[in-house]
N, C-alpha and C. Protein backbone atom coordinates (compact mmCIF):
# COMPACT_ATOMS: atom_id res chain seq x y z
N MET A 1 0.82 -1.18 0.00
CA MET A 1 0.00 0.00 0.00
C MET A 1 0.86 1.25 0.00
N LYS A 2 2.05 1.16 0.63
CA LYS A 2 2.93 2.32 0.71
C LYS A 2 3.29 2.85 -0.68
N LYS A 3 3.65 1.97 -1.58
CA LYS A 3 4.05 2.42 -2.92
C LYS A 3 2.89 3.07 -3.67
N ILE A 4 1.69 2.53 -3.51
CA ILE A 4 0.53 3.12 -4.19
C ILE A 4 0.29 4.53 -3.67
N THR A 5 0.39 4.74 -2.37
CA THR A 5 0.17 6.07 -1.82
C THR A 5 1.28 7.02 -2.23
N GLN A 6 2.48 6.51 -2.46
CA GLN A 6 3.56 7.37 -2.90
C GLN A 6 3.37 7.84 -4.33
N ILE A 7 2.77 7.03 -5.18
CA ILE A 7 2.60 7.44 -6.57
C ILE A 7 1.22 8.01 -6.86
N ALA A 8 0.32 7.91 -5.89
CA ALA A 8 -1.05 8.39 -6.12
C ALA A 8 -1.12 9.85 -6.56
N PRO A 9 -0.30 10.77 -5.99
CA PRO A 9 -0.39 12.17 -6.44
C PRO A 9 0.15 12.41 -7.85
N SER A 10 0.79 11.42 -8.43
CA SER A 10 1.38 11.56 -9.76
C SER A 10 0.31 11.83 -10.80
N PRO A 11 0.64 12.66 -11.82
CA PRO A 11 -0.34 12.89 -12.89
C PRO A 11 -0.60 11.64 -13.73
N ALA A 12 0.34 10.70 -13.72
CA ALA A 12 0.16 9.46 -14.47
C ALA A 12 -0.35 8.39 -13.50
N PRO A 13 -1.51 7.81 -13.78
CA PRO A 13 -2.05 6.80 -12.88
C PRO A 13 -1.27 5.49 -12.98
N PRO A 14 -1.24 4.71 -11.89
CA PRO A 14 -0.60 3.40 -11.99
C PRO A 14 -1.39 2.52 -12.94
N LEU A 15 -0.67 1.69 -13.70
CA LEU A 15 -1.32 0.86 -14.71
C LEU A 15 -1.47 -0.60 -14.30
N GLU A 16 -0.50 -1.11 -13.56
CA GLU A 16 -0.50 -2.51 -13.16
C GLU A 16 0.15 -2.65 -11.81
N GLY A 17 0.03 -3.84 -11.24
CA GLY A 17 0.68 -4.12 -9.97
C GLY A 17 1.52 -5.37 -10.06
N ILE A 18 2.55 -5.44 -9.23
CA ILE A 18 3.38 -6.63 -9.11
C ILE A 18 3.50 -6.91 -7.62
N GLN A 19 3.21 -8.13 -7.22
CA GLN A 19 3.33 -8.50 -5.82
C GLN A 19 4.65 -9.20 -5.62
N ASN A 20 5.53 -8.59 -4.81
CA ASN A 20 6.75 -9.30 -4.46
C ASN A 20 6.57 -9.89 -3.08
N VAL A 21 7.40 -10.76 -2.71
CA VAL A 21 7.36 -11.49 -1.44
C VAL A 21 6.05 -12.23 -1.22
N LYS A 22 5.49 -12.79 -2.27
CA LYS A 22 4.24 -13.54 -2.12
C LYS A 22 4.46 -14.81 -1.31
N HIS A 23 5.55 -15.48 -1.54
CA HIS A 23 5.77 -16.76 -0.87
C HIS A 23 7.24 -17.12 -0.88
N PHE A 24 7.60 -17.99 0.03
CA PHE A 24 8.93 -18.58 -0.01
C PHE A 24 8.90 -19.69 -1.04
N LEU A 25 10.02 -19.96 -1.66
CA LEU A 25 10.05 -21.01 -2.67
C LEU A 25 9.71 -22.37 -2.07
N ALA A 26 10.20 -22.65 -0.88
CA ALA A 26 9.97 -23.96 -0.29
C ALA A 26 8.59 -24.07 0.35
N ILE A 27 8.06 -22.96 0.85
CA ILE A 27 6.79 -22.98 1.56
C ILE A 27 5.90 -21.89 0.97
N ALA A 28 4.89 -22.25 0.22
CA ALA A 28 3.97 -21.27 -0.35
C ALA A 28 3.08 -20.74 0.76
N SER A 29 3.30 -19.48 1.16
CA SER A 29 2.55 -18.94 2.29
C SER A 29 1.96 -17.57 1.99
N GLY A 30 1.78 -17.24 0.72
CA GLY A 30 1.22 -15.95 0.36
C GLY A 30 -0.20 -15.80 0.85
N LYS A 31 -0.56 -14.59 1.20
CA LYS A 31 -1.90 -14.32 1.71
C LYS A 31 -2.80 -13.67 0.66
N GLY A 32 -2.30 -13.44 -0.54
CA GLY A 32 -3.14 -12.86 -1.58
C GLY A 32 -3.27 -11.35 -1.50
N GLY A 33 -2.36 -10.70 -0.78
CA GLY A 33 -2.43 -9.25 -0.63
C GLY A 33 -2.34 -8.51 -1.95
N GLY A 34 -1.47 -8.99 -2.84
CA GLY A 34 -1.33 -8.34 -4.15
C GLY A 34 -2.60 -8.45 -4.96
N GLU A 35 -3.22 -9.63 -4.93
CA GLU A 35 -4.47 -9.83 -5.67
C GLU A 35 -5.58 -8.94 -5.11
N THR A 36 -5.65 -8.86 -3.78
CA THR A 36 -6.68 -8.04 -3.13
C THR A 36 -6.49 -6.57 -3.46
N LEU A 37 -5.26 -6.07 -3.31
CA LEU A 37 -4.99 -4.67 -3.60
C LEU A 37 -5.23 -4.36 -5.07
N SER A 38 -4.84 -5.27 -5.93
CA SER A 38 -5.06 -5.09 -7.36
C SER A 38 -6.54 -4.95 -7.67
N ARG A 39 -7.34 -5.81 -7.07
CA ARG A 39 -8.80 -5.73 -7.26
C ARG A 39 -9.36 -4.42 -6.72
N GLU A 40 -8.93 -4.04 -5.52
CA GLU A 40 -9.44 -2.81 -4.89
C GLU A 40 -9.11 -1.58 -5.72
N LEU A 41 -7.97 -1.58 -6.39
CA LEU A 41 -7.54 -0.42 -7.18
C LEU A 41 -7.86 -0.57 -8.66
N SER A 42 -8.53 -1.66 -9.00
CA SER A 42 -8.88 -1.94 -10.40
C SER A 42 -7.65 -1.92 -11.31
N LEU A 43 -6.58 -2.55 -10.84
CA LEU A 43 -5.35 -2.66 -11.61
C LEU A 43 -5.07 -4.13 -11.88
N PRO A 44 -4.63 -4.47 -13.09
CA PRO A 44 -4.26 -5.87 -13.33
C PRO A 44 -3.01 -6.23 -12.53
N LEU A 45 -2.96 -7.43 -12.02
CA LEU A 45 -1.78 -7.92 -11.32
C LEU A 45 -0.91 -8.64 -12.35
N LEU A 46 0.28 -8.13 -12.55
CA LEU A 46 1.17 -8.69 -13.57
C LEU A 46 1.79 -10.01 -13.15
N GLY A 47 1.93 -10.22 -11.86
CA GLY A 47 2.54 -11.45 -11.39
C GLY A 47 2.89 -11.35 -9.92
N SER A 48 3.33 -12.45 -9.36
CA SER A 48 3.76 -12.53 -7.97
C SER A 48 5.15 -13.13 -7.93
N LEU A 49 6.03 -12.49 -7.17
CA LEU A 49 7.41 -12.94 -7.07
C LEU A 49 7.66 -13.58 -5.72
N PRO A 50 8.38 -14.70 -5.69
CA PRO A 50 8.67 -15.35 -4.42
C PRO A 50 9.83 -14.68 -3.69
N ILE A 51 9.94 -14.96 -2.42
CA ILE A 51 11.14 -14.60 -1.67
C ILE A 51 12.16 -15.67 -2.04
N ASP A 52 13.17 -15.30 -2.80
CA ASP A 52 14.13 -16.26 -3.33
C ASP A 52 15.53 -15.85 -2.90
N ILE A 53 16.18 -16.67 -2.14
CA ILE A 53 17.54 -16.38 -1.65
C ILE A 53 18.51 -16.14 -2.80
N GLU A 54 18.24 -16.71 -3.96
CA GLU A 54 19.14 -16.52 -5.10
C GLU A 54 19.17 -15.06 -5.57
N ILE A 55 18.08 -14.33 -5.38
CA ILE A 55 18.07 -12.91 -5.75
C ILE A 55 19.07 -12.16 -4.89
N ARG A 56 19.07 -12.45 -3.57
CA ARG A 56 20.03 -11.80 -2.68
C ARG A 56 21.45 -12.20 -3.01
N LYS A 57 21.67 -13.50 -3.26
CA LYS A 57 23.01 -13.96 -3.58
C LYS A 57 23.54 -13.30 -4.85
N CYS A 58 22.69 -13.20 -5.84
CA CYS A 58 23.11 -12.55 -7.09
C CYS A 58 23.39 -11.07 -6.85
N GLY A 59 22.55 -10.43 -6.04
CA GLY A 59 22.78 -9.03 -5.70
C GLY A 59 24.11 -8.84 -4.99
N ASP A 60 24.44 -9.75 -4.07
CA ASP A 60 25.72 -9.68 -3.37
C ASP A 60 26.89 -9.81 -4.33
N LYS A 61 26.71 -10.62 -5.39
CA LYS A 61 27.76 -10.82 -6.39
C LYS A 61 27.77 -9.69 -7.42
N GLY A 62 26.72 -8.89 -7.44
CA GLY A 62 26.62 -7.82 -8.43
C GLY A 62 26.20 -8.33 -9.80
N ILE A 63 25.57 -9.49 -9.83
CA ILE A 63 25.14 -10.09 -11.09
C ILE A 63 23.62 -10.27 -11.04
N PRO A 64 22.88 -9.70 -11.98
CA PRO A 64 21.42 -9.88 -11.97
C PRO A 64 21.04 -11.35 -12.08
N LEU A 65 19.97 -11.71 -11.40
CA LEU A 65 19.47 -13.09 -11.45
C LEU A 65 19.24 -13.53 -12.89
N MET A 66 18.77 -12.63 -13.73
CA MET A 66 18.47 -12.97 -15.12
C MET A 66 19.73 -13.33 -15.91
N ILE A 67 20.89 -12.89 -15.44
CA ILE A 67 22.17 -13.24 -16.07
C ILE A 67 22.73 -14.50 -15.42
N ASP A 68 22.70 -14.55 -14.09
CA ASP A 68 23.28 -15.66 -13.34
C ASP A 68 22.49 -16.96 -13.50
N SER A 69 21.19 -16.86 -13.42
CA SER A 69 20.33 -18.07 -13.44
C SER A 69 19.10 -17.84 -14.32
N PRO A 70 19.30 -17.64 -15.61
CA PRO A 70 18.18 -17.28 -16.49
C PRO A 70 17.11 -18.37 -16.62
N ASP A 71 17.45 -19.61 -16.30
CA ASP A 71 16.48 -20.70 -16.42
C ASP A 71 15.79 -21.04 -15.10
N SER A 72 16.05 -20.25 -14.06
CA SER A 72 15.43 -20.53 -12.76
C SER A 72 13.94 -20.16 -12.81
N ASP A 73 13.19 -20.74 -11.90
CA ASP A 73 11.75 -20.44 -11.83
C ASP A 73 11.51 -18.96 -11.60
N THR A 74 12.28 -18.34 -10.70
CA THR A 74 12.09 -16.92 -10.41
C THR A 74 12.44 -16.07 -11.61
N ALA A 75 13.50 -16.42 -12.34
CA ALA A 75 13.86 -15.67 -13.54
C ALA A 75 12.73 -15.75 -14.57
N ARG A 76 12.10 -16.91 -14.68
CA ARG A 76 10.98 -17.05 -15.61
C ARG A 76 9.81 -16.15 -15.19
N LEU A 77 9.59 -16.03 -13.88
CA LEU A 77 8.52 -15.14 -13.40
C LEU A 77 8.83 -13.69 -13.74
N PHE A 78 10.10 -13.27 -13.52
CA PHE A 78 10.51 -11.92 -13.90
C PHE A 78 10.31 -11.69 -15.40
N ALA A 79 10.72 -12.65 -16.21
CA ALA A 79 10.59 -12.53 -17.67
C ALA A 79 9.12 -12.42 -18.08
N ASP A 80 8.27 -13.19 -17.43
CA ASP A 80 6.83 -13.14 -17.74
C ASP A 80 6.26 -11.76 -17.40
N ILE A 81 6.64 -11.21 -16.26
CA ILE A 81 6.17 -9.87 -15.88
C ILE A 81 6.70 -8.83 -16.86
N ALA A 82 7.98 -8.93 -17.22
CA ALA A 82 8.56 -7.98 -18.17
C ALA A 82 7.83 -8.06 -19.51
N HIS A 83 7.51 -9.26 -19.95
CA HIS A 83 6.79 -9.43 -21.21
C HIS A 83 5.41 -8.76 -21.13
N LYS A 84 4.73 -8.94 -20.02
CA LYS A 84 3.42 -8.31 -19.84
C LYS A 84 3.53 -6.79 -19.82
N LEU A 85 4.64 -6.27 -19.30
CA LEU A 85 4.83 -4.82 -19.24
C LEU A 85 5.06 -4.22 -20.63
N VAL A 86 5.85 -4.88 -21.46
CA VAL A 86 6.22 -4.28 -22.74
C VAL A 86 5.26 -4.61 -23.88
N THR A 87 4.53 -5.72 -23.77
CA THR A 87 3.67 -6.15 -24.87
C THR A 87 2.71 -5.07 -25.37
N PRO A 88 2.06 -4.30 -24.50
CA PRO A 88 1.14 -3.28 -25.01
C PRO A 88 1.83 -2.19 -25.83
N PHE A 89 3.16 -2.05 -25.68
CA PHE A 89 3.88 -0.98 -26.37
C PHE A 89 4.60 -1.44 -27.61
N VAL A 90 4.61 -2.74 -27.86
CA VAL A 90 5.30 -3.29 -29.03
C VAL A 90 4.39 -3.19 -30.25
N VAL A 91 4.92 -2.61 -31.29
CA VAL A 91 4.18 -2.51 -32.55
C VAL A 91 4.65 -3.64 -33.44
N SER A 92 3.71 -4.41 -33.93
CA SER A 92 4.11 -5.51 -34.80
C SER A 92 4.57 -4.97 -36.15
N GLU A 93 5.39 -5.74 -36.84
CA GLU A 93 5.94 -5.29 -38.11
C GLU A 93 4.87 -5.05 -39.16
N GLY A 94 3.76 -5.73 -39.07
CA GLY A 94 2.72 -5.60 -40.08
C GLY A 94 1.87 -4.35 -39.94
N LYS A 95 2.06 -3.57 -38.89
CA LYS A 95 1.22 -2.37 -38.70
C LYS A 95 1.92 -1.11 -39.06
């Protein structure tokens, strides 16, 4: 909720939401907060990201997870969210 209130005064409205820390990889314990907030604000939820120790390890090494472990489950989730973010702005060659 903090981030929404921080951007609320912006002239550009938020378009989508991403829920991070939805669950641990070993124990799925998300409470659905991202889905609930998304519904309340009428924003599509682009995805949910797990709490993944590999993100921290990669950050400590200074190497993005997408470079270090591009085939990991979390990297695939990031890629899916990125795809959803850019797809509306991509113009196909036929247009």
